[in-house]
PDB file of all heavy atoms in Angstrom:
ATOM      1  N   LYS A   1      -4.688   0.508   5.014  1.00  0.00           N
ATOM      2  CA  LYS A   1      -6.089   0.215   4.868  1.00  0.00           C
ATOM      3  C   LYS A   1      -6.950   1.320   5.372  1.00  0.00           C
ATOM      4  O   LYS A   1      -8.042   1.647   4.799  1.00  0.00           O
ATOM      5  CB  LYS A   1      -6.447  -1.109   5.635  1.00  0.00           C
ATOM      6  CG  LYS A   1      -5.758  -2.315   5.023  1.00  0.00           C
ATOM      7  CD  LYS A   1      -6.307  -3.618   5.409  1.00  0.00           C
ATOM      8  CE  LYS A   1      -6.116  -3.748   7.044  1.00  0.00           C
ATOM      9  NZ  LYS A   1      -6.696  -4.984   7.610  1.00  0.00           N
ATOM     10  N   VAL A   2      -6.628   1.944   6.543  1.00  0.00           N
ATOM     11  CA  VAL A   2      -7.429   3.092   7.000  1.00  0.00           C
ATOM     12  C   VAL A   2      -7.288   4.199   6.069  1.00  0.00           C
ATOM     13  O   VAL A   2      -8.398   4.926   5.766  1.00  0.00           O
ATOM     14  CB  VAL A   2      -6.915   3.541   8.444  1.00  0.00           C
ATOM     15  CG1 VAL A   2      -7.517   4.782   8.985  1.00  0.00           C
ATOM     16  CG2 VAL A   2      -7.260   2.356   9.383  1.00  0.00           C
ATOM     17  N   LEU A   3      -6.110   4.606   5.625  1.00  0.00           N
ATOM     18  CA  LEU A   3      -5.910   5.667   4.690  1.00  0.00           C
ATOM     19  C   LEU A   3      -6.809   5.578   3.426  1.00  0.00           C
ATOM     20  O   LEU A   3      -7.450   6.526   2.913  1.00  0.00           O
ATOM     21  CB  LEU A   3      -4.502   6.004   4.231  1.00  0.00           C
ATOM     22  CG  LEU A   3      -3.494   6.409   5.333  1.00  0.00           C
ATOM     23  CD1 LEU A   3      -2.098   6.283   4.922  1.00  0.00           C
ATOM     24  CD2 LEU A   3      -3.840   7.846   5.622  1.00  0.00           C
ATOM     25  N   ILE A   4      -6.995   4.326   2.980  1.00  0.00           N
ATOM     26  CA  ILE A   4      -7.785   4.008   1.734  1.00  0.00           C
ATOM     27  C   ILE A   4      -9.235   4.219   2.142  1.00  0.00           C
ATOM     28  O   ILE A   4      -9.907   4.888   1.198  1.00  0.00           O
ATOM     29  CB  ILE A   4      -7.516   2.604   1.242  1.00  0.00           C
ATOM     30  CG1 ILE A   4      -6.019   2.621   0.594  1.00  0.00           C
ATOM     31  CG2 ILE A   4      -8.479   2.194   0.186  1.00  0.00           C
ATOM     32  CD1 ILE A   4      -5.636   1.183   0.203  1.00  0.00           C
ATOM     33  N   GLN A   5      -9.647   3.903   3.227  1.00  0.00           N
ATOM     34  CA  GLN A   5     -11.042   4.012   3.651  1.00  0.00           C
ATOM     35  C   GLN A   5     -11.395   5.535   3.860  1.00  0.00           C
ATOM     36  O   GLN A   5     -12.543   5.897   3.529  1.00  0.00           O
ATOM     37  CB  GLN A   5     -11.232   3.283   4.889  1.00  0.00           C
ATOM     38  CG  GLN A   5     -11.274   1.699   4.712  1.00  0.00           C
ATOM     39  CD  GLN A   5     -11.726   1.157   6.107  1.00  0.00           C
ATOM     40  OE1 GLN A   5     -12.747   1.094   6.456  1.00  0.00           O
ATOM     41  NE2 GLN A   5     -10.745   0.614   6.832  1.00  0.00           N
ATOM     42  N   LEU A   6     -10.390   6.242   4.200  1.00  0.00           N
ATOM     43  CA  LEU A   6     -10.513   7.706   4.355  1.00  0.00           C
ATOM     44  C   LEU A   6     -10.238   8.464   3.099  1.00  0.00           C
ATOM     45  O   LEU A   6     -10.264   9.683   3.067  1.00  0.00           O
ATOM     46  CB  LEU A   6      -9.563   8.227   5.503  1.00  0.00           C
ATOM     47  CG  LEU A   6      -9.849   7.811   6.906  1.00  0.00           C
ATOM     48  CD1 LEU A   6      -8.796   8.126   7.899  1.00  0.00           C
ATOM     49  CD2 LEU A   6     -11.291   8.285   7.393  1.00  0.00           C
ATOM     50  N   LYS A   7      -9.975   7.718   1.921  1.00  0.00           N
ATOM     51  CA  LYS A   7      -9.762   8.174   0.711  1.00  0.00           C
ATOM     52  C   LYS A   7      -8.526   9.130   0.633  1.00  0.00           C
ATOM     53  O   LYS A   7      -8.375  10.084  -0.162  1.00  0.00           O
ATOM     54  CB  LYS A   7     -10.945   9.023   0.033  1.00  0.00           C
ATOM     55  CG  LYS A   7     -12.198   7.993  -0.022  1.00  0.00           C
ATOM     56  CD  LYS A   7     -13.274   8.742  -0.767  1.00  0.00           C
ATOM     57  CE  LYS A   7     -14.502   7.774  -0.790  1.00  0.00           C
ATOM     58  NZ  LYS A   7     -14.334   6.495  -1.413  1.00  0.00           N
ATOM     59  N   GLN A   8      -7.527   8.872   1.494  1.00  0.00           N
ATOM     60  CA  GLN A   8      -6.392   9.568   1.533  1.00  0.00           C
ATOM     61  C   GLN A   8      -5.420   8.859   0.511  1.00  0.00           C
ATOM     62  O   GLN A   8      -4.392   8.125   1.140  1.00  0.00           O
ATOM     63  CB  GLN A   8      -5.787   9.809   2.971  1.00  0.00           C
ATOM     64  CG  GLN A   8      -6.681  10.764   3.668  1.00  0.00           C
ATOM     65  CD  GLN A   8      -6.046  11.001   5.104  1.00  0.00           C
ATOM     66  OE1 GLN A   8      -4.894  11.048   5.309  1.00  0.00           O
ATOM     67  NE2 GLN A   8      -6.912  11.245   6.121  1.00  0.00           N
ATOM     68  N   TYR A   9      -5.702   8.687  -0.695  1.00  0.00           N
ATOM     69  CA  TYR A   9      -4.946   7.840  -1.588  1.00  0.00           C
ATOM     70  C   TYR A   9      -3.424   8.046  -1.754  1.00  0.00           C
ATOM     71  O   TYR A   9      -2.644   7.144  -1.782  1.00  0.00           O
ATOM     72  CB  TYR A   9      -5.632   7.870  -2.995  1.00  0.00           C
ATOM     73  CG  TYR A   9      -7.067   7.305  -2.862  1.00  0.00           C
ATOM     74  CD1 TYR A   9      -7.943   7.950  -3.817  1.00  0.00           C
ATOM     75  CD2 TYR A   9      -7.497   6.284  -2.087  1.00  0.00           C
ATOM     76  CE1 TYR A   9      -9.289   7.527  -3.743  1.00  0.00           C
ATOM     77  CE2 TYR A   9      -8.667   5.854  -2.092  1.00  0.00           C
ATOM     78  CZ  TYR A   9      -9.685   6.618  -3.005  1.00  0.00           C
ATOM     79  OH  TYR A   9     -10.955   5.979  -3.024  1.00  0.00           O
ATOM     80  N   GLU A  10      -2.979   9.356  -1.790  1.00  0.00           N
ATOM     81  CA  GLU A  10      -1.567   9.584  -2.127  1.00  0.00           C
ATOM     82  C   GLU A  10      -0.727   9.293  -0.816  1.00  0.00           C
ATOM     83  O   GLU A  10       0.322   8.700  -0.970  1.00  0.00           O
ATOM     84  CB  GLU A  10      -1.413  11.087  -2.256  1.00  0.00           C
ATOM     85  CG  GLU A  10      -1.939  11.645  -3.638  1.00  0.00           C
ATOM     86  CD  GLU A  10      -1.107  11.047  -4.807  1.00  0.00           C
ATOM     87  OE1 GLU A  10       0.024  10.692  -4.629  1.00  0.00           O
ATOM     88  OE2 GLU A  10      -1.785  11.009  -5.870  1.00  0.00           O
ATOM     89  N   ASN A  11      -1.293   9.437   0.416  1.00  0.00           N
ATOM     90  CA  ASN A  11      -0.633   8.924   1.636  1.00  0.00           C
ATOM     91  C   ASN A  11      -0.565   7.325   1.624  1.00  0.00           C
ATOM     92  O   ASN A  11       0.515   6.775   2.034  1.00  0.00           O
ATOM     93  CB  ASN A  11      -1.308   9.519   2.894  1.00  0.00           C
ATOM     94  CG  ASN A  11      -1.135  10.950   3.110  1.00  0.00           C
ATOM     95  OD1 ASN A  11      -0.132  11.515   2.589  1.00  0.00           O
ATOM     96  ND2 ASN A  11      -2.091  11.544   3.731  1.00  0.00           N
ATOM     97  N   ALA A  12      -1.629   6.768   1.253  1.00  0.00           N
ATOM     98  CA  ALA A  12      -1.613   5.261   1.277  1.00  0.00           C
ATOM     99  C   ALA A  12      -0.710   4.783   0.205  1.00  0.00           C
ATOM    100  O   ALA A  12       0.086   3.785   0.493  1.00  0.00           O
ATOM    101  CB  ALA A  12      -3.060   4.840   0.789  1.00  0.00           C
ATOM    102  N   LEU A  13      -0.584   5.581  -0.870  1.00  0.00           N
ATOM    103  CA  LEU A  13       0.471   5.131  -1.975  1.00  0.00           C
ATOM    104  C   LEU A  13       1.784   5.144  -1.403  1.00  0.00           C
ATOM    105  O   LEU A  13       2.657   4.242  -1.773  1.00  0.00           O
ATOM    106  CB  LEU A  13       0.280   6.003  -3.252  1.00  0.00           C
ATOM    107  CG  LEU A  13       1.179   5.724  -4.403  1.00  0.00           C
ATOM    108  CD1 LEU A  13       0.962   4.302  -4.862  1.00  0.00           C
ATOM    109  CD2 LEU A  13       0.799   6.660  -5.521  1.00  0.00           C
ATOM    110  N   LYS A  14       2.156   6.297  -0.918  1.00  0.00           N
ATOM    111  CA  LYS A  14       3.648   6.479  -0.236  1.00  0.00           C
ATOM    112  C   LYS A  14       3.953   5.260   0.782  1.00  0.00           C
ATOM    113  O   LYS A  14       4.911   4.712   0.633  1.00  0.00           O
ATOM    114  CB  LYS A  14       3.475   7.753   0.558  1.00  0.00           C
ATOM    115  CG  LYS A  14       4.920   8.049   1.226  1.00  0.00           C
ATOM    116  CD  LYS A  14       4.882   9.448   1.873  1.00  0.00           C
ATOM    117  CE  LYS A  14       6.149   9.761   2.445  1.00  0.00           C
ATOM    118  NZ  LYS A  14       6.393   8.856   3.719  1.00  0.00           N
ATOM    119  N   ASP A  15       2.957   4.895   1.553  1.00  0.00           N
ATOM    120  CA  ASP A  15       3.196   3.597   2.570  1.00  0.00           C
ATOM    121  C   ASP A  15       3.338   2.411   1.798  1.00  0.00           C
ATOM    122  O   ASP A  15       4.225   1.746   2.102  1.00  0.00           O
ATOM    123  CB  ASP A  15       2.036   3.601   3.517  1.00  0.00           C
ATOM    124  CG  ASP A  15       2.218   4.529   4.765  1.00  0.00           C
ATOM    125  OD1 ASP A  15       3.333   5.108   4.916  1.00  0.00           O
ATOM    126  OD2 ASP A  15       1.183   4.600   5.481  1.00  0.00           O
ATOM    127  N   LEU A  16       2.448   2.187   0.753  1.00  0.00           N
ATOM    128  CA  LEU A  16       2.514   0.980   0.048  1.00  0.00           C
ATOM    129  C   LEU A  16       3.807   0.870  -0.796  1.00  0.00           C
ATOM    130  O   LEU A  16       4.452  -0.263  -0.801  1.00  0.00           O
ATOM    131  CB  LEU A  16       1.387   0.824  -1.061  1.00  0.00           C
ATOM    132  CG  LEU A  16       0.091   0.382  -0.316  1.00  0.00           C
ATOM    133  CD1 LEU A  16      -1.115   0.631  -1.296  1.00  0.00           C
ATOM    134  CD2 LEU A  16       0.158  -1.109   0.113  1.00  0.00           C
ATOM    135  N   LEU A  17       4.406   1.828  -1.323  1.00  0.00           N
ATOM    136  CA  LEU A  17       5.628   1.806  -1.997  1.00  0.00           C
ATOM    137  C   LEU A  17       6.882   1.591  -1.098  1.00  0.00           C
ATOM    138  O   LEU A  17       7.615   0.901  -1.325  1.00  0.00           O
ATOM    139  CB  LEU A  17       5.813   3.150  -2.735  1.00  0.00           C
ATOM    140  CG  LEU A  17       4.993   3.473  -3.977  1.00  0.00           C
ATOM    141  CD1 LEU A  17       5.197   4.795  -4.567  1.00  0.00           C
ATOM    142  CD2 LEU A  17       5.036   2.347  -5.021  1.00  0.00           C
ATOM    143  N   GLU A  18       6.562   2.064   0.249  1.00  0.00           N
ATOM    144  CA  GLU A  18       7.753   1.734   1.225  1.00  0.00           C
ATOM    145  C   GLU A  18       7.658   0.291   1.693  1.00  0.00           C
ATOM    146  O   GLU A  18       8.528  -0.286   1.914  1.00  0.00           O
ATOM    147  CB  GLU A  18       7.558   2.660   2.399  1.00  0.00           C
ATOM    148  CG  GLU A  18       7.832   4.161   2.075  1.00  0.00           C
ATOM    149  CD  GLU A  18       7.616   5.111   3.342  1.00  0.00           C
ATOM    150  OE1 GLU A  18       7.266   4.580   4.385  1.00  0.00           O
ATOM    151  OE2 GLU A  18       7.857   6.227   3.208  1.00  0.00           O
ATOM    152  N   LEU A  19       6.322  -0.198   1.751  1.00  0.00           N
ATOM    153  CA  LEU A  19       6.158  -1.565   2.160  1.00  0.00           C
ATOM    154  C   LEU A  19       6.648  -2.531   1.100  1.00  0.00           C
ATOM    155  O   LEU A  19       7.105  -3.661   1.524  1.00  0.00           O
ATOM    156  CB  LEU A  19       4.602  -1.812   2.369  1.00  0.00           C
ATOM    157  CG  LEU A  19       4.062  -1.486   3.820  1.00  0.00           C
ATOM    158  CD1 LEU A  19       2.592  -1.456   3.686  1.00  0.00           C
ATOM    159  CD2 LEU A  19       4.587  -2.488   4.784  1.00  0.00           C
ATOM    160  N   ARG A  20       6.407  -2.117  -0.048  1.00  0.00           N
ATOM    161  CA  ARG A  20       7.007  -2.984  -1.168  1.00  0.00           C
ATOM    162  C   ARG A  20       8.531  -3.266  -1.082  1.00  0.00           C
ATOM    163  O   ARG A  20       9.108  -4.419  -1.357  1.00  0.00           O
ATOM    164  CB  ARG A  20       6.820  -2.197  -2.414  1.00  0.00           C
ATOM    165  CG  ARG A  20       7.119  -3.157  -3.779  1.00  0.00           C
ATOM    166  CD  ARG A  20       6.709  -2.442  -5.086  1.00  0.00           C
ATOM    167  NE  ARG A  20       7.369  -1.183  -5.189  1.00  0.00           N
ATOM    168  CZ  ARG A  20       7.197  -0.321  -6.219  1.00  0.00           C
ATOM    169  NH1 ARG A  20       6.252  -0.569  -7.067  1.00  0.00           N
ATOM    170  NH2 ARG A  20       7.902   0.749  -6.196  1.00  0.00           N
ATOM    171  N   ASP A  21       9.124  -2.260  -0.502  1.00  0.00           N
ATOM    172  CA  ASP A  21      10.656  -2.429  -0.168  1.00  0.00           C
ATOM    173  C   ASP A  21      10.926  -3.243   1.050  1.00  0.00           C
ATOM    174  O   ASP A  21      11.909  -3.968   1.214  1.00  0.00           O
ATOM    175  CB  ASP A  21      11.386  -1.129  -0.115  1.00  0.00           C
ATOM    176  CG  ASP A  21      11.386  -0.400  -1.545  1.00  0.00           C
ATOM    177  OD1 ASP A  21      11.213  -1.046  -2.604  1.00  0.00           O
ATOM    178  OD2 ASP A  21      11.354   0.875  -1.477  1.00  0.00           O
ATOM    179  N   LEU A  22       9.994  -2.961   2.033  1.00  0.00           N
ATOM    180  CA  LEU A  22      10.226  -3.528   3.396  1.00  0.00           C
ATOM    181  C   LEU A  22       9.903  -5.093   3.328  1.00  0.00           C
ATOM    182  O   LEU A  22      10.414  -5.898   3.992  1.00  0.00           O
ATOM    183  CB  LEU A  22       9.381  -2.870   4.402  1.00  0.00           C
ATOM    184  CG  LEU A  22       9.863  -1.636   5.032  1.00  0.00           C
ATOM    185  CD1 LEU A  22       8.628  -0.936   6.014  1.00  0.00           C
ATOM    186  CD2 LEU A  22      11.026  -1.867   5.875  1.00  0.00           C
ATOM    187  N   ALA A  23       8.768  -5.460   2.523  1.00  0.00           N
ATOM    188  CA  ALA A  23       8.358  -6.737   2.576  1.00  0.00           C
ATOM    189  C   ALA A  23       8.039  -7.330   1.041  1.00  0.00           C
ATOM    190  O   ALA A  23       7.058  -7.481   0.602  1.00  0.00           O
ATOM    191  CB  ALA A  23       7.034  -7.052   3.314  1.00  0.00           C
ATOM    192  N   PRO A  24       9.195  -7.396   0.217  1.00  0.00           N
ATOM    193  CA  PRO A  24       8.973  -7.768  -1.094  1.00  0.00           C
ATOM    194  C   PRO A  24       8.453  -8.973  -1.501  1.00  0.00           C
ATOM    195  O   PRO A  24       7.992  -9.303  -2.550  1.00  0.00           O
ATOM    196  CB  PRO A  24      10.562  -7.701  -1.634  1.00  0.00           C
ATOM    197  CG  PRO A  24      11.364  -7.942  -0.507  1.00  0.00           C
ATOM    198  CD  PRO A  24      10.576  -7.313   0.763  1.00  0.00           C
ATOM    199  N   GLU A  25       8.250  -9.970  -0.481  1.00  0.00           N
ATOM    200  CA  GLU A  25       7.788 -11.336  -0.786  1.00  0.00           C
ATOM    201  C   GLU A  25       6.307 -11.344  -0.390  1.00  0.00           C
ATOM    202  O   GLU A  25       5.664 -12.410  -0.486  1.00  0.00           O
ATOM    203  CB  GLU A  25       8.610 -12.371  -0.101  1.00  0.00           C
ATOM    204  CG  GLU A  25      10.044 -12.499  -0.464  1.00  0.00           C
ATOM    205  CD  GLU A  25      10.170 -12.655  -2.057  1.00  0.00           C
ATOM    206  OE1 GLU A  25       9.440 -13.484  -2.601  1.00  0.00           O
ATOM    207  OE2 GLU A  25      11.022 -12.016  -2.667  1.00  0.00           O
ATOM    208  N   GLU A  26       5.708 -10.305   0.214  1.00  0.00           N
ATOM    209  CA  GLU A  26       4.336 -10.292   0.618  1.00  0.00           C
ATOM    210  C   GLU A  26       3.501 -10.080  -0.381  1.00  0.00           C
ATOM    211  O   GLU A  26       3.311  -8.794  -0.814  1.00  0.00           O
ATOM    212  CB  GLU A  26       4.298  -9.279   1.916  1.00  0.00           C
ATOM    213  CG  GLU A  26       2.884  -9.157   2.318  1.00  0.00           C
ATOM    214  CD  GLU A  26       2.308 -10.534   2.826  1.00  0.00           C
ATOM    215  OE1 GLU A  26       2.834 -11.182   3.703  1.00  0.00           O
ATOM    216  OE2 GLU A  26       1.189 -10.782   2.215  1.00  0.00           O
ATOM    217  N   ALA A  27       2.615 -10.890  -0.813  1.00  0.00           N
ATOM    218  CA  ALA A  27       1.815 -10.803  -1.968  1.00  0.00           C
ATOM    219  C   ALA A  27       0.627  -9.720  -1.738  1.00  0.00           C
ATOM    220  O   ALA A  27       0.244  -9.108  -2.690  1.00  0.00           O
ATOM    221  CB  ALA A  27       1.106 -12.075  -2.319  1.00  0.00           C
ATOM    222  N   ASN A  28       0.266  -9.568  -0.648  1.00  0.00           N
ATOM    223  CA  ASN A  28      -0.841  -8.613  -0.290  1.00  0.00           C
ATOM    224  C   ASN A  28      -0.447  -7.177  -0.638  1.00  0.00           C
ATOM    225  O   ASN A  28      -1.458  -6.390  -0.740  1.00  0.00           O
ATOM    226  CB  ASN A  28      -1.208  -8.689   1.228  1.00  0.00           C
ATOM    227  CG  ASN A  28      -2.211  -9.876   1.577  1.00  0.00           C
ATOM    228  OD1 ASN A  28      -3.026 -10.253   0.623  1.00  0.00           O
ATOM    229  ND2 ASN A  28      -2.047 -10.506   2.626  1.00  0.00           N
ATOM    230  N   VAL A  29       0.841  -6.840  -0.576  1.00  0.00           N
ATOM    231  CA  VAL A  29       1.303  -5.426  -0.822  1.00  0.00           C
ATOM    232  C   VAL A  29       0.977  -5.087  -2.200  1.00  0.00           C
ATOM    233  O   VAL A  29       0.347  -4.123  -2.533  1.00  0.00           O
ATOM    234  CB  VAL A  29       2.795  -5.332  -0.435  1.00  0.00           C
ATOM    235  CG1 VAL A  29       3.180  -3.889  -0.819  1.00  0.00           C
ATOM    236  CG2 VAL A  29       2.941  -5.442   1.108  1.00  0.00           C
ATOM    237  N   PRO A  30       1.614  -5.872  -3.295  1.00  0.00           N
ATOM    238  CA  PRO A  30       1.206  -5.545  -4.582  1.00  0.00           C
ATOM    239  C   PRO A  30      -0.267  -5.654  -4.907  1.00  0.00           C
ATOM    240  O   PRO A  30      -0.822  -4.892  -5.786  1.00  0.00           O
ATOM    241  CB  PRO A  30       2.033  -6.521  -5.470  1.00  0.00           C
ATOM    242  CG  PRO A  30       2.463  -7.571  -4.584  1.00  0.00           C
ATOM    243  CD  PRO A  30       2.554  -7.026  -3.215  1.00  0.00           C
ATOM    244  N   PHE A  31      -0.970  -6.541  -4.242  1.00  0.00           N
ATOM    245  CA  PHE A  31      -2.318  -6.760  -4.529  1.00  0.00           C
ATOM    246  C   PHE A  31      -3.118  -5.480  -4.167  1.00  0.00           C
ATOM    247  O   PHE A  31      -3.916  -4.928  -4.876  1.00  0.00           O
ATOM    248  CB  PHE A  31      -2.913  -8.040  -3.718  1.00  0.00           C
ATOM    249  CG  PHE A  31      -4.319  -8.233  -3.863  1.00  0.00           C
ATOM    250  CD1 PHE A  31      -4.870  -8.499  -5.064  1.00  0.00           C
ATOM    251  CD2 PHE A  31      -5.185  -8.084  -2.690  1.00  0.00           C
ATOM    252  CE1 PHE A  31      -6.316  -8.705  -5.242  1.00  0.00           C
ATOM    253  CE2 PHE A  31      -6.447  -8.163  -2.797  1.00  0.00           C
ATOM    254  CZ  PHE A  31      -7.057  -8.586  -4.104  1.00  0.00           C
ATOM    255  N   VAL A  32      -2.821  -5.024  -2.944  1.00  0.00           N
ATOM    256  CA  VAL A  32      -3.546  -3.793  -2.409  1.00  0.00           C
ATOM    257  C   VAL A  32      -3.177  -2.608  -3.322  1.00  0.00           C
ATOM    258  O   VAL A  32      -3.951  -1.743  -3.603  1.00  0.00           O
ATOM    259  CB  VAL A  32      -3.251  -3.582  -0.998  1.00  0.00           C
ATOM    260  CG1 VAL A  32      -3.897  -2.216  -0.392  1.00  0.00           C
ATOM    261  CG2 VAL A  32      -3.945  -4.762  -0.135  1.00  0.00           C
ATOM    262  N   LEU A  33      -1.798  -2.561  -3.656  1.00  0.00           N
ATOM    263  CA  LEU A  33      -1.206  -1.494  -4.406  1.00  0.00           C
ATOM    264  C   LEU A  33      -1.955  -1.409  -5.843  1.00  0.00           C
ATOM    265  O   LEU A  33      -2.358  -0.379  -6.360  1.00  0.00           O
ATOM    266  CB  LEU A  33       0.125  -1.695  -4.657  1.00  0.00           C
ATOM    267  CG  LEU A  33       0.927  -0.547  -5.421  1.00  0.00           C
ATOM    268  CD1 LEU A  33       0.641   0.804  -4.736  1.00  0.00           C
ATOM    269  CD2 LEU A  33       2.404  -0.821  -5.434  1.00  0.00           C
ATOM    270  N   GLY A  34      -2.331  -2.634  -6.400  1.00  0.00           N
ATOM    271  CA  GLY A  34      -3.011  -2.742  -7.649  1.00  0.00           C
ATOM    272  C   GLY A  34      -4.393  -2.185  -7.395  1.00  0.00           C
ATOM    273  O   GLY A  34      -4.864  -1.484  -8.290  1.00  0.00           O
ATOM    274  N   LYS A  35      -5.125  -2.603  -6.316  1.00  0.00           N
ATOM    275  CA  LYS A  35      -6.433  -1.964  -6.252  1.00  0.00           C
ATOM    276  C   LYS A  35      -6.436  -0.467  -5.945  1.00  0.00           C
ATOM    277  O   LYS A  35      -7.388   0.130  -6.502  1.00  0.00           O
ATOM    278  CB  LYS A  35      -7.170  -2.711  -4.854  1.00  0.00           C
ATOM    279  CG  LYS A  35      -7.374  -4.159  -5.101  1.00  0.00           C
ATOM    280  CD  LYS A  35      -7.744  -4.881  -3.938  1.00  0.00           C
ATOM    281  CE  LYS A  35      -9.045  -4.420  -3.394  1.00  0.00           C
ATOM    282  NZ  LYS A  35      -9.674  -5.208  -2.178  1.00  0.00           N
TER     283      LYS A  35
END
């Protein structure tokens, strides 16, 4: 969330892809990834 606010999109994307594997049932991860 902080990386997105700082417009560091590539770093945020890297974290979200890792989170998708860590928490595959957490809906907020694909939701934020979509945004």
